């Protein structure tokens, strides 16, 4: 480990090593910066402030860590193939990314994908969001769950688990349903094809969940992860980011008559703020506290953000 890259804390009663931003940045070592400002502008989410400095100090060390993990895992698979006397059967390395609505996990996943795909040993990296495995609005309405979209019970867990099993089996192309945020629903007949990539990043609210699945299921989405990341921040900051994003959408996407939320475009600014606060209070905040935060300590890596969206603390689980 480089001088100055020591963790802030080394408590034997904690499963995590804690790093501040400078200590974590030092772990980048010689990892090259392969993204430009233009690349980054295309990867940023709405109202998110991710700079090249963030990429250099936070994302590149994560990329380096994962590159080392991928190489080690590939060698383990080769050892098993040699032991069994079987032909090499490459298995995708799967990374789970979880966290709240509006915390920035989608941007993190997109930037991470771009960085990992630039490593020479695993250029094929796919990104799948679990939104595609939400039950359709019709089914949610029939079950009285439309207001609980994003909660664990609103997902087709069986299909998601089967998808993960098929991805890991690497037997051929696998299809994931596509979700439209404009229509706020699954797009019938549209699929994302995942065909034996080197790495798959799976991003979603409840990817680390285990407690809400059907009792008949003995396998969970997280069972297929080789590594997992949780994007964390104080709830008051996430709520503020959510409201800010809602107000931006009111001026952009919601103005499209085809948008499911077109009705919000006509709200005055005070009305829109009050609406966003109510949605957070009754839906997103509840889901965060009851279902998402409890999964945080199952992650291998926790990135803790400050109020300006910058990651200030990094917690890496001991192996």
C-alpha atoms as a PDB file:
ATOM      1  CA  UNK A   1       0.000   0.000   0.000  1.00  0.00           C
ATOM      2  CA  UNK A   2       1.277   3.488  -0.820  1.00  0.00           C
ATOM      3  CA  UNK A   3       2.337   5.854   1.933  1.00  0.00           C
ATOM      4  CA  UNK A   4      -0.683   7.972   2.856  1.00  0.00           C
ATOM      5  CA  UNK A   5      -3.076   5.318   1.588  1.00  0.00           C
ATOM      6  CA  UNK A   6      -3.707   3.777   4.967  1.00  0.00           C
ATOM      7  CA  UNK A   7      -7.324   3.508   6.108  1.00  0.00           C
ATOM      8  CA  UNK A   8      -8.629   6.071   8.560  1.00  0.00           C
ATOM      9  CA  UNK A   9      -9.713   3.332  10.925  1.00  0.00           C
ATOM     10  CA  UNK A  10      -8.565  -0.207  11.490  1.00  0.00           C
ATOM     11  CA  UNK A  11     -11.072  -1.391  14.063  1.00  0.00           C
ATOM     12  CA  UNK A  12     -10.973  -5.115  14.603  1.00  0.00           C
ATOM     13  CA  UNK A  13     -14.679  -5.144  15.531  1.00  0.00           C
ATOM     14  CA  UNK A  14     -15.659  -3.676  12.135  1.00  0.00           C
ATOM     15  CA  UNK A  15     -15.862  -5.675   8.904  1.00  0.00           C
ATOM     16  CA  UNK A  16     -14.838  -2.545   6.966  1.00  0.00           C
ATOM     17  CA  UNK A  17     -11.678  -0.569   6.345  1.00  0.00           C
ATOM     18  CA  UNK A  18     -12.436   3.168   6.252  1.00  0.00           C
ATOM     19  CA  UNK A  19     -10.698   5.597   3.872  1.00  0.00           C
ATOM     20  CA  UNK A  20     -11.027   9.318   3.401  1.00  0.00           C
ATOM     21  CA  UNK A  21     -10.852  10.758  -0.110  1.00  0.00           C
ATOM     22  CA  UNK A  22      -7.058  11.447  -0.243  1.00  0.00           C
ATOM     23  CA  UNK A  23      -6.184   7.990   1.121  1.00  0.00           C
ATOM     24  CA  UNK A  24      -8.487   6.310  -1.387  1.00  0.00           C
ATOM     25  CA  UNK A  25      -7.200   8.446  -4.278  1.00  0.00           C
ATOM     26  CA  UNK A  26      -3.643   7.264  -3.549  1.00  0.00           C
ATOM     27  CA  UNK A  27      -4.741   3.714  -4.345  1.00  0.00           C
ATOM     28  CA  UNK A  28      -5.203   4.664  -7.977  1.00  0.00           C
ATOM     29  CA  UNK A  29      -1.442   4.218  -8.425  1.00  0.00           C
ATOM     30  CA  UNK A  30      -0.651   4.371 -12.163  1.00  0.00           C
ATOM     31  CA  UNK A  31      -4.153   3.649 -13.447  1.00  0.00           C
ATOM     32  CA  UNK A  32      -4.553   5.915 -16.510  1.00  0.00           C
ATOM     33  CA  UNK A  33      -7.435   8.340 -16.921  1.00  0.00           C
ATOM     34  CA  UNK A  34      -9.209   7.073 -20.039  1.00  0.00           C
ATOM     35  CA  UNK A  35     -12.257   9.359 -19.995  1.00  0.00           C
ATOM     36  CA  UNK A  36     -12.447  12.900 -21.349  1.00  0.00           C
ATOM     37  CA  UNK A  37     -14.711  15.716 -20.217  1.00  0.00           C
ATOM     38  CA  UNK A  38     -16.836  15.038 -23.306  1.00  0.00           C
ATOM     39  CA  UNK A  39     -17.185  11.374 -22.336  1.00  0.00           C
ATOM     40  CA  UNK A  40     -18.175  12.345 -18.820  1.00  0.00           C
ATOM     41  CA  UNK A  41     -20.788  14.851 -19.944  1.00  0.00           C
ATOM     42  CA  UNK A  42     -22.560  12.043 -21.808  1.00  0.00           C
ATOM     43  CA  UNK A  43     -22.510   9.767 -18.745  1.00  0.00           C
ATOM     44  CA  UNK A  44     -23.717  12.195 -16.075  1.00  0.00           C
ATOM     45  CA  UNK A  45     -27.223  11.870 -14.733  1.00  0.00           C
ATOM     46  CA  UNK A  46     -29.685  14.713 -14.312  1.00  0.00           C
ATOM     47  CA  UNK A  47     -28.512  17.328 -11.774  1.00  0.00           C
ATOM     48  CA  UNK A  48     -25.423  15.281 -10.847  1.00  0.00           C
ATOM     49  CA  UNK A  49     -22.016  16.880 -10.466  1.00  0.00           C
ATOM     50  CA  UNK A  50     -19.401  14.308 -11.394  1.00  0.00           C
ATOM     51  CA  UNK A  51     -16.077  15.857 -12.352  1.00  0.00           C
ATOM     52  CA  UNK A  52     -12.900  14.461 -13.836  1.00  0.00           C
ATOM     53  CA  UNK A  53     -11.401  14.969 -10.361  1.00  0.00           C
ATOM     54  CA  UNK A  54     -14.068  12.607  -8.993  1.00  0.00           C
ATOM     55  CA  UNK A  55     -13.163  10.083 -11.683  1.00  0.00           C
ATOM     56  CA  UNK A  56      -9.461  10.324 -10.872  1.00  0.00           C
ATOM     57  CA  UNK A  57      -9.800  10.224  -7.087  1.00  0.00           C
ATOM     58  CA  UNK A  58     -12.755   7.854  -6.606  1.00  0.00           C
ATOM     59  CA  UNK A  59     -13.655   5.949  -9.765  1.00  0.00           C
ATOM     60  CA  UNK A  60     -10.151   5.008 -10.931  1.00  0.00           C
ATOM     61  CA  UNK A  61      -9.204   3.312  -7.643  1.00  0.00           C
ATOM     62  CA  UNK A  62     -12.532   1.429  -7.803  1.00  0.00           C
ATOM     63  CA  UNK A  63     -11.754   0.455 -11.400  1.00  0.00           C
ATOM     64  CA  UNK A  64      -8.271  -0.752 -10.416  1.00  0.00           C
ATOM     65  CA  UNK A  65      -9.633  -2.771  -7.491  1.00  0.00           C
ATOM     66  CA  UNK A  66     -12.243  -4.424  -9.688  1.00  0.00           C
ATOM     67  CA  UNK A  67      -9.734  -5.133 -12.448  1.00  0.00           C
ATOM     68  CA  UNK A  68      -7.608  -7.018  -9.915  1.00  0.00           C
ATOM     69  CA  UNK A  69     -10.671  -8.899  -8.641  1.00  0.00           C
ATOM     70  CA  UNK A  70     -11.773  -9.840 -12.158  1.00  0.00           C
ATOM     71  CA  UNK A  71      -8.308 -11.206 -12.994  1.00  0.00           C
ATOM     72  CA  UNK A  72      -8.173 -13.214  -9.758  1.00  0.00           C
ATOM     73  CA  UNK A  73     -11.650 -14.647 -10.322  1.00  0.00           C
ATOM     74  CA  UNK A  74     -10.820 -15.609 -13.914  1.00  0.00           C
ATOM     75  CA  UNK A  75      -7.746 -17.467 -12.634  1.00  0.00           C
ATOM     76  CA  UNK A  76      -9.887 -19.328 -10.104  1.00  0.00           C
ATOM     77  CA  UNK A  77     -12.254 -20.416 -12.873  1.00  0.00           C
ATOM     78  CA  UNK A  78      -9.292 -21.613 -14.933  1.00  0.00           C
ATOM     79  CA  UNK A  79      -8.008 -23.608 -11.966  1.00  0.00           C
ATOM     80  CA  UNK A  80     -11.392 -25.308 -11.608  1.00  0.00           C
ATOM     81  CA  UNK A  81     -11.481 -26.101 -15.343  1.00  0.00           C
ATOM     82  CA  UNK A  82      -8.006 -27.654 -15.092  1.00  0.00           C
ATOM     83  CA  UNK A  83      -9.050 -29.691 -12.058  1.00  0.00           C
ATOM     84  CA  UNK A  84     -12.164 -30.980 -13.829  1.00  0.00           C
ATOM     85  CA  UNK A  85     -10.340 -31.540 -17.095  1.00  0.00           C
ATOM     86  CA  UNK A  86     -12.996 -29.511 -18.898  1.00  0.00           C
ATOM     87  CA  UNK A  87     -12.726 -26.930 -21.659  1.00  0.00           C
ATOM     88  CA  UNK A  88     -12.455 -23.300 -20.521  1.00  0.00           C
ATOM     89  CA  UNK A  89     -15.901 -21.801 -19.949  1.00  0.00           C
ATOM     90  CA  UNK A  90     -15.632 -18.056 -19.317  1.00  0.00           C
ATOM     91  CA  UNK A  91     -18.114 -16.848 -16.711  1.00  0.00           C
ATOM     92  CA  UNK A  92     -19.155 -13.179 -16.585  1.00  0.00           C
ATOM     93  CA  UNK A  93     -17.992 -11.266 -13.521  1.00  0.00           C
ATOM     94  CA  UNK A  94     -21.094  -9.656 -11.982  1.00  0.00           C
ATOM     95  CA  UNK A  95     -21.077  -6.377 -10.051  1.00  0.00           C
ATOM     96  CA  UNK A  96     -24.147  -5.176  -8.155  1.00  0.00           C
ATOM     97  CA  UNK A  97     -24.729  -1.445  -7.581  1.00  0.00           C
ATOM     98  CA  UNK A  98     -27.409  -0.420  -5.077  1.00  0.00           C
ATOM     99  CA  UNK A  99     -28.693   2.698  -3.339  1.00  0.00           C
ATOM    100  CA  UNK A 100     -31.595   5.107  -3.146  1.00  0.00           C
ATOM    101  CA  UNK A 101     -33.524   6.927  -5.818  1.00  0.00           C
ATOM    102  CA  UNK A 102     -31.605  10.122  -6.761  1.00  0.00           C
ATOM    103  CA  UNK A 103     -28.394   9.116  -4.954  1.00  0.00           C
ATOM    104  CA  UNK A 104     -26.423   8.810  -8.210  1.00  0.00           C
ATOM    105  CA  UNK A 105     -26.093   5.048  -8.594  1.00  0.00           C
ATOM    106  CA  UNK A 106     -27.031   5.110 -12.286  1.00  0.00           C
ATOM    107  CA  UNK A 107     -24.307   7.643 -13.100  1.00  0.00           C
ATOM    108  CA  UNK A 108     -21.832   5.668 -11.016  1.00  0.00           C
ATOM    109  CA  UNK A 109     -22.721   2.486 -12.915  1.00  0.00           C
ATOM    110  CA  UNK A 110     -22.376   4.182 -16.327  1.00  0.00           C
ATOM    111  CA  UNK A 111     -18.993   5.730 -15.501  1.00  0.00           C
ATOM    112  CA  UNK A 112     -17.746   2.475 -13.995  1.00  0.00           C
ATOM    113  CA  UNK A 113     -18.817   0.589 -17.094  1.00  0.00           C
ATOM    114  CA  UNK A 114     -16.932   3.021 -19.324  1.00  0.00           C
ATOM    115  CA  UNK A 115     -13.757   2.696 -17.244  1.00  0.00           C
ATOM    116  CA  UNK A 116     -13.850  -1.094 -16.953  1.00  0.00           C
ATOM    117  CA  UNK A 117     -14.436  -1.501 -20.686  1.00  0.00           C
ATOM    118  CA  UNK A 118     -11.165   0.333 -21.326  1.00  0.00           C
ATOM    119  CA  UNK A 119      -9.103  -2.290 -19.516  1.00  0.00           C
ATOM    120  CA  UNK A 120      -7.558  -4.617 -22.154  1.00  0.00           C
ATOM    121  CA  UNK A 121      -8.414  -7.926 -20.460  1.00  0.00           C
ATOM    122  CA  UNK A 122     -12.185  -7.482 -20.225  1.00  0.00           C
ATOM    123  CA  UNK A 123     -13.405  -5.058 -22.908  1.00  0.00           C
ATOM    124  CA  UNK A 124     -17.002  -6.347 -23.075  1.00  0.00           C
ATOM    125  CA  UNK A 125     -18.964  -4.797 -20.205  1.00  0.00           C
ATOM    126  CA  UNK A 126     -22.779  -4.705 -20.094  1.00  0.00           C
ATOM    127  CA  UNK A 127     -24.993  -2.651 -17.790  1.00  0.00           C
ATOM    128  CA  UNK A 128     -28.446  -3.888 -16.815  1.00  0.00           C
ATOM    129  CA  UNK A 129     -30.903  -2.041 -14.572  1.00  0.00           C
ATOM    130  CA  UNK A 130     -33.450  -3.943 -12.519  1.00  0.00           C
ATOM    131  CA  UNK A 131     -36.152  -1.459 -13.614  1.00  0.00           C
ATOM    132  CA  UNK A 132     -36.825  -3.821 -16.505  1.00  0.00           C
ATOM    133  CA  UNK A 133     -37.941  -6.451 -14.015  1.00  0.00           C
ATOM    134  CA  UNK A 134     -40.603  -4.295 -12.414  1.00  0.00           C
ATOM    135  CA  UNK A 135     -44.070  -5.742 -12.814  1.00  0.00           C
ATOM    136  CA  UNK A 136     -46.103  -3.964 -15.495  1.00  0.00           C
ATOM    137  CA  UNK A 137     -48.420  -1.145 -14.436  1.00  0.00           C
ATOM    138  CA  UNK A 138     -51.396  -3.351 -15.296  1.00  0.00           C
ATOM    139  CA  UNK A 139     -50.249  -6.052 -12.886  1.00  0.00           C
ATOM    140  CA  UNK A 140     -49.305  -3.520 -10.212  1.00  0.00           C
ATOM    141  CA  UNK A 141     -52.766  -1.933 -10.490  1.00  0.00           C
ATOM    142  CA  UNK A 142     -54.452  -5.343 -10.217  1.00  0.00           C
ATOM    143  CA  UNK A 143     -52.471  -6.063  -7.049  1.00  0.00           C
ATOM    144  CA  UNK A 144     -52.932  -2.585  -5.574  1.00  0.00           C
ATOM    145  CA  UNK A 145     -49.175  -1.934  -5.741  1.00  0.00           C
ATOM    146  CA  UNK A 146     -48.826   0.912  -8.240  1.00  0.00           C
ATOM    147  CA  UNK A 147     -48.066   3.393  -5.442  1.00  0.00           C
ATOM    148  CA  UNK A 148     -45.357   1.024  -4.200  1.00  0.00           C
ATOM    149  CA  UNK A 149     -43.396   0.806  -7.448  1.00  0.00           C
ATOM    150  CA  UNK A 150     -39.739   0.321  -6.521  1.00  0.00           C
ATOM    151  CA  UNK A 151     -40.563  -1.549  -3.314  1.00  0.00           C
ATOM    152  CA  UNK A 152     -39.367  -5.198  -3.253  1.00  0.00           C
ATOM    153  CA  UNK A 153     -42.864  -6.591  -3.884  1.00  0.00           C
ATOM    154  CA  UNK A 154     -43.193  -4.606  -7.144  1.00  0.00           C
ATOM    155  CA  UNK A 155     -40.554  -6.709  -8.949  1.00  0.00           C
ATOM    156  CA  UNK A 156     -40.847  -9.964 -10.863  1.00  0.00           C
ATOM    157  CA  UNK A 157     -38.222 -11.544  -8.612  1.00  0.00           C
ATOM    158  CA  UNK A 158     -38.439 -14.981 -10.200  1.00  0.00           C
ATOM    159  CA  UNK A 159     -37.700 -13.623 -13.668  1.00  0.00           C
ATOM    160  CA  UNK A 160     -34.836 -11.509 -12.325  1.00  0.00           C
ATOM    161  CA  UNK A 161     -33.264 -14.467 -10.511  1.00  0.00           C
ATOM    162  CA  UNK A 162     -33.650 -16.634 -13.630  1.00  0.00           C
ATOM    163  CA  UNK A 163     -32.034 -13.903 -15.728  1.00  0.00           C
ATOM    164  CA  UNK A 164     -29.069 -13.772 -13.353  1.00  0.00           C
ATOM    165  CA  UNK A 165     -28.728 -17.561 -13.411  1.00  0.00           C
ATOM    166  CA  UNK A 166     -28.742 -17.564 -17.218  1.00  0.00           C
ATOM    167  CA  UNK A 167     -26.156 -14.757 -17.350  1.00  0.00           C
ATOM    168  CA  UNK A 168     -23.840 -16.648 -15.009  1.00  0.00           C
ATOM    169  CA  UNK A 169     -24.299 -19.892 -16.967  1.00  0.00           C
ATOM    170  CA  UNK A 170     -22.926 -18.073 -20.040  1.00  0.00           C
ATOM    171  CA  UNK A 171     -24.635 -20.527 -22.343  1.00  0.00           C
ATOM    172  CA  UNK A 172     -25.723 -17.910 -24.882  1.00  0.00           C
ATOM    173  CA  UNK A 173     -27.668 -14.688 -25.339  1.00  0.00           C
ATOM    174  CA  UNK A 174     -29.986 -13.693 -22.499  1.00  0.00           C
ATOM    175  CA  UNK A 175     -32.785 -11.131 -22.787  1.00  0.00           C
ATOM    176  CA  UNK A 176     -33.719  -8.502 -20.198  1.00  0.00           C
ATOM    177  CA  UNK A 177     -36.990  -6.533 -20.409  1.00  0.00           C
ATOM    178  CA  UNK A 178     -36.712  -2.805 -21.123  1.00  0.00           C
ATOM    179  CA  UNK A 179     -38.304  -0.133 -18.928  1.00  0.00           C
ATOM    180  CA  UNK A 180     -39.342   3.322 -20.173  1.00  0.00           C
ATOM    181  CA  UNK A 181     -39.078   6.120 -17.611  1.00  0.00           C
ATOM    182  CA  UNK A 182     -41.071   8.323 -19.959  1.00  0.00           C
ATOM    183  CA  UNK A 183     -43.966   5.850 -20.099  1.00  0.00           C
ATOM    184  CA  UNK A 184     -43.339   4.698 -16.509  1.00  0.00           C
ATOM    185  CA  UNK A 185     -43.832   1.119 -17.621  1.00  0.00           C
ATOM    186  CA  UNK A 186     -42.281  -1.936 -19.263  1.00  0.00           C
ATOM    187  CA  UNK A 187     -41.997  -1.649 -23.059  1.00  0.00           C
ATOM    188  CA  UNK A 188     -43.799  -4.647 -24.595  1.00  0.00           C
ATOM    189  CA  UNK A 189     -41.673  -6.696 -26.983  1.00  0.00           C
ATOM    190  CA  UNK A 190     -38.480  -4.730 -26.309  1.00  0.00           C
ATOM    191  CA  UNK A 191     -35.433  -6.410 -24.775  1.00  0.00           C
ATOM    192  CA  UNK A 192     -31.786  -5.796 -23.953  1.00  0.00           C
ATOM    193  CA  UNK A 193     -29.556  -8.633 -25.176  1.00  0.00           C
ATOM    194  CA  UNK A 194     -26.742  -9.770 -22.883  1.00  0.00           C
ATOM    195  CA  UNK A 195     -24.514 -12.205 -24.753  1.00  0.00           C
ATOM    196  CA  UNK A 196     -21.658 -13.561 -22.618  1.00  0.00           C
ATOM    197  CA  UNK A 197     -19.847 -10.320 -21.761  1.00  0.00           C
ATOM    198  CA  UNK A 198     -16.739 -10.258 -19.601  1.00  0.00           C
ATOM    199  CA  UNK A 199     -18.448  -8.164 -16.932  1.00  0.00           C
ATOM    200  CA  UNK A 200     -22.080  -7.399 -16.130  1.00  0.00           C
ATOM    201  CA  UNK A 201     -23.041  -4.467 -13.895  1.00  0.00           C
ATOM    202  CA  UNK A 202     -26.512  -4.852 -12.358  1.00  0.00           C
ATOM    203  CA  UNK A 203     -27.892  -1.584 -10.966  1.00  0.00           C
ATOM    204  CA  UNK A 204     -31.053  -1.123  -8.926  1.00  0.00           C
ATOM    205  CA  UNK A 205     -32.723  -0.053  -5.704  1.00  0.00           C
ATOM    206  CA  UNK A 206     -33.014  -3.462  -4.092  1.00  0.00           C
ATOM    207  CA  UNK A 207     -30.212  -5.515  -5.642  1.00  0.00           C
ATOM    208  CA  UNK A 208     -28.848  -6.424  -2.199  1.00  0.00           C
ATOM    209  CA  UNK A 209     -32.262  -7.389  -0.801  1.00  0.00           C
ATOM    210  CA  UNK A 210     -32.933 -10.876   0.513  1.00  0.00           C
ATOM    211  CA  UNK A 211     -35.701 -10.574   3.101  1.00  0.00           C
ATOM    212  CA  UNK A 212     -38.706  -9.714   0.917  1.00  0.00           C
ATOM    213  CA  UNK A 213     -38.449 -12.484  -1.665  1.00  0.00           C
ATOM    214  CA  UNK A 214     -40.971 -15.270  -1.873  1.00  0.00           C
ATOM    215  CA  UNK A 215     -40.467 -17.923   0.778  1.00  0.00           C
ATOM    216  CA  UNK A 216     -40.346 -20.516  -1.971  1.00  0.00           C
ATOM    217  CA  UNK A 217     -37.203 -18.872  -3.365  1.00  0.00           C
ATOM    218  CA  UNK A 218     -33.907 -20.025  -1.940  1.00  0.00           C
ATOM    219  CA  UNK A 219     -31.733 -17.979  -4.288  1.00  0.00           C
ATOM    220  CA  UNK A 220     -31.479 -14.189  -4.390  1.00  0.00           C
ATOM    221  CA  UNK A 221     -30.174 -11.713  -6.947  1.00  0.00           C
ATOM    222  CA  UNK A 222     -27.175 -10.894  -4.767  1.00  0.00           C
ATOM    223  CA  UNK A 223     -26.142 -14.569  -4.716  1.00  0.00           C
ATOM    224  CA  UNK A 224     -24.887 -14.068  -8.279  1.00  0.00           C
ATOM    225  CA  UNK A 225     -22.718 -11.046  -7.471  1.00  0.00           C
ATOM    226  CA  UNK A 226     -18.941 -11.308  -7.409  1.00  0.00           C
ATOM    227  CA  UNK A 227     -18.724  -7.786  -6.002  1.00  0.00           C
ATOM    228  CA  UNK A 228     -21.231  -5.209  -4.770  1.00  0.00           C
ATOM    229  CA  UNK A 229     -21.237  -1.436  -4.281  1.00  0.00           C
ATOM    230  CA  UNK A 230     -23.655   0.696  -2.267  1.00  0.00           C
ATOM    231  CA  UNK A 231     -23.929   4.442  -2.930  1.00  0.00           C
ATOM    232  CA  UNK A 232     -24.758   6.154   0.354  1.00  0.00           C
ATOM    233  CA  UNK A 233     -25.643   9.671   1.551  1.00  0.00           C
ATOM    234  CA  UNK A 234     -27.618  11.281   4.394  1.00  0.00           C
ATOM    235  CA  UNK A 235     -31.359  11.057   3.731  1.00  0.00           C
ATOM    236  CA  UNK A 236     -31.837  14.828   3.900  1.00  0.00           C
ATOM    237  CA  UNK A 237     -29.345  15.261   1.064  1.00  0.00           C
ATOM    238  CA  UNK A 238     -30.936  12.542  -1.061  1.00  0.00           C
ATOM    239  CA  UNK A 239     -34.368  14.114  -0.540  1.00  0.00           C
ATOM    240  CA  UNK A 240     -33.000  17.502  -1.632  1.00  0.00           C
ATOM    241  CA  UNK A 241     -31.434  15.918  -4.745  1.00  0.00           C
ATOM    242  CA  UNK A 242     -34.720  14.156  -5.522  1.00  0.00           C
ATOM    243  CA  UNK A 243     -36.712  17.398  -5.290  1.00  0.00           C
ATOM    244  CA  UNK A 244     -34.153  19.218  -7.442  1.00  0.00           C
ATOM    245  CA  UNK A 245     -34.354  16.483 -10.071  1.00  0.00           C
ATOM    246  CA  UNK A 246     -38.161  16.563  -9.982  1.00  0.00           C
ATOM    247  CA  UNK A 247     -38.115  20.312 -10.623  1.00  0.00           C
ATOM    248  CA  UNK A 248     -35.732  19.864 -13.570  1.00  0.00           C
ATOM    249  CA  UNK A 249     -37.928  17.108 -15.027  1.00  0.00           C
ATOM    250  CA  UNK A 250     -40.954  19.395 -14.653  1.00  0.00           C
ATOM    251  CA  UNK A 251     -39.231  21.824 -17.031  1.00  0.00           C
ATOM    252  CA  UNK A 252     -38.063  19.138 -19.489  1.00  0.00           C
ATOM    253  CA  UNK A 253     -39.301  15.546 -19.757  1.00  0.00           C
ATOM    254  CA  UNK A 254     -42.667  16.154 -18.074  1.00  0.00           C
ATOM    255  CA  UNK A 255     -43.552  18.709 -20.785  1.00  0.00           C
ATOM    256  CA  UNK A 256     -43.727  15.924 -23.361  1.00  0.00           C
ATOM    257  CA  UNK A 257     -47.423  14.945 -23.736  1.00  0.00           C
ATOM    258  CA  UNK A 258     -46.310  11.305 -24.024  1.00  0.00           C
ATOM    259  CA  UNK A 259     -44.804  11.391 -20.528  1.00  0.00           C
ATOM    260  CA  UNK A 260     -46.672   9.511 -17.819  1.00  0.00           C
ATOM    261  CA  UNK A 261     -46.017  12.521 -15.561  1.00  0.00           C
ATOM    262  CA  UNK A 262     -47.100  15.169 -18.077  1.00  0.00           C
ATOM    263  CA  UNK A 263     -49.717  16.393 -15.578  1.00  0.00           C
ATOM    264  CA  UNK A 264     -46.945  17.676 -13.319  1.00  0.00           C
ATOM    265  CA  UNK A 265     -45.650  20.070 -15.990  1.00  0.00           C
ATOM    266  CA  UNK A 266     -48.521  22.474 -15.335  1.00  0.00           C
ATOM    267  CA  UNK A 267     -47.819  22.771 -11.608  1.00  0.00           C
ATOM    268  CA  UNK A 268     -46.554  26.035 -10.229  1.00  0.00           C
ATOM    269  CA  UNK A 269     -43.132  25.959  -8.577  1.00  0.00           C
ATOM    270  CA  UNK A 270     -44.567  25.824  -5.024  1.00  0.00           C
ATOM    271  CA  UNK A 271     -47.047  23.128  -6.086  1.00  0.00           C
ATOM    272  CA  UNK A 272     -44.285  21.083  -7.748  1.00  0.00           C
ATOM    273  CA  UNK A 273     -42.058  21.373  -4.679  1.00  0.00           C
ATOM    274  CA  UNK A 274     -44.886  20.277  -2.401  1.00  0.00           C
ATOM    275  CA  UNK A 275     -45.691  17.348  -4.730  1.00  0.00           C
ATOM    276  CA  UNK A 276     -42.081  16.168  -4.789  1.00  0.00           C
ATOM    277  CA  UNK A 277     -41.867  16.439  -1.000  1.00  0.00           C
ATOM    278  CA  UNK A 278     -45.044  14.392  -0.623  1.00  0.00           C
ATOM    279  CA  UNK A 279     -43.793  11.682  -3.007  1.00  0.00           C
ATOM    280  CA  UNK A 280     -40.586  11.487  -1.032  1.00  0.00           C
ATOM    281  CA  UNK A 281     -42.396  11.406   2.322  1.00  0.00           C
ATOM    282  CA  UNK A 282     -44.886   8.703   1.364  1.00  0.00           C
ATOM    283  CA  UNK A 283     -42.936   6.561  -1.130  1.00  0.00           C
ATOM    284  CA  UNK A 284     -39.217   7.032  -1.758  1.00  0.00           C
ATOM    285  CA  UNK A 285     -38.236   7.932   1.788  1.00  0.00           C
ATOM    286  CA  UNK A 286     -40.201   5.004   3.192  1.00  0.00           C
ATOM    287  CA  UNK A 287     -38.626   2.588   0.718  1.00  0.00           C
ATOM    288  CA  UNK A 288     -35.171   3.938   1.539  1.00  0.00           C
ATOM    289  CA  UNK A 289     -35.552   3.503   5.297  1.00  0.00           C
ATOM    290  CA  UNK A 290     -37.434   0.203   5.285  1.00  0.00           C
ATOM    291  CA  UNK A 291     -35.839  -1.692   2.408  1.00  0.00           C
ATOM    292  CA  UNK A 292     -32.721  -0.067   0.961  1.00  0.00           C
ATOM    293  CA  UNK A 293     -30.632   1.208   3.894  1.00  0.00           C
ATOM    294  CA  UNK A 294     -30.916  -2.152   5.724  1.00  0.00           C
ATOM    295  CA  UNK A 295     -29.030  -3.768   2.807  1.00  0.00           C
ATOM    296  CA  UNK A 296     -26.116  -1.312   2.936  1.00  0.00           C
ATOM    297  CA  UNK A 297     -23.807  -3.412   5.086  1.00  0.00           C
ATOM    298  CA  UNK A 298     -24.119  -6.365   2.729  1.00  0.00           C
ATOM    299  CA  UNK A 299     -22.072  -4.436   0.133  1.00  0.00           C
ATOM    300  CA  UNK A 300     -18.359  -5.046  -0.387  1.00  0.00           C
ATOM    301  CA  UNK A 301     -17.769  -1.337  -1.020  1.00  0.00           C
ATOM    302  CA  UNK A 302     -19.709   1.636   0.380  1.00  0.00           C
ATOM    303  CA  UNK A 303     -19.207   5.090  -1.139  1.00  0.00           C
ATOM    304  CA  UNK A 304     -20.479   7.832   1.172  1.00  0.00           C
ATOM    305  CA  UNK A 305     -21.403  11.146  -0.457  1.00  0.00           C
ATOM    306  CA  UNK A 306     -21.491  14.634   1.015  1.00  0.00           C
ATOM    307  CA  UNK A 307     -24.124  17.257   0.233  1.00  0.00           C
ATOM    308  CA  UNK A 308     -22.353  18.309  -2.973  1.00  0.00           C
ATOM    309  CA  UNK A 309     -22.512  14.750  -4.393  1.00  0.00           C
ATOM    310  CA  UNK A 310     -18.752  14.261  -3.868  1.00  0.00           C
ATOM    311  CA  UNK A 311     -17.682  10.989  -2.253  1.00  0.00           C
ATOM    312  CA  UNK A 312     -15.840  11.781   0.981  1.00  0.00           C
ATOM    313  CA  UNK A 313     -15.633   8.421   2.753  1.00  0.00           C
ATOM    314  CA  UNK A 314     -15.038   4.950   1.364  1.00  0.00           C
ATOM    315  CA  UNK A 315     -15.632   1.735   3.281  1.00  0.00           C
ATOM    316  CA  UNK A 316     -14.123  -1.471   1.896  1.00  0.00           C
ATOM    317  CA  UNK A 317     -15.182  -4.772   3.417  1.00  0.00           C
ATOM    318  CA  UNK A 318     -12.343  -6.995   4.549  1.00  0.00           C
ATOM    319  CA  UNK A 319     -12.060 -10.265   2.660  1.00  0.00           C
END
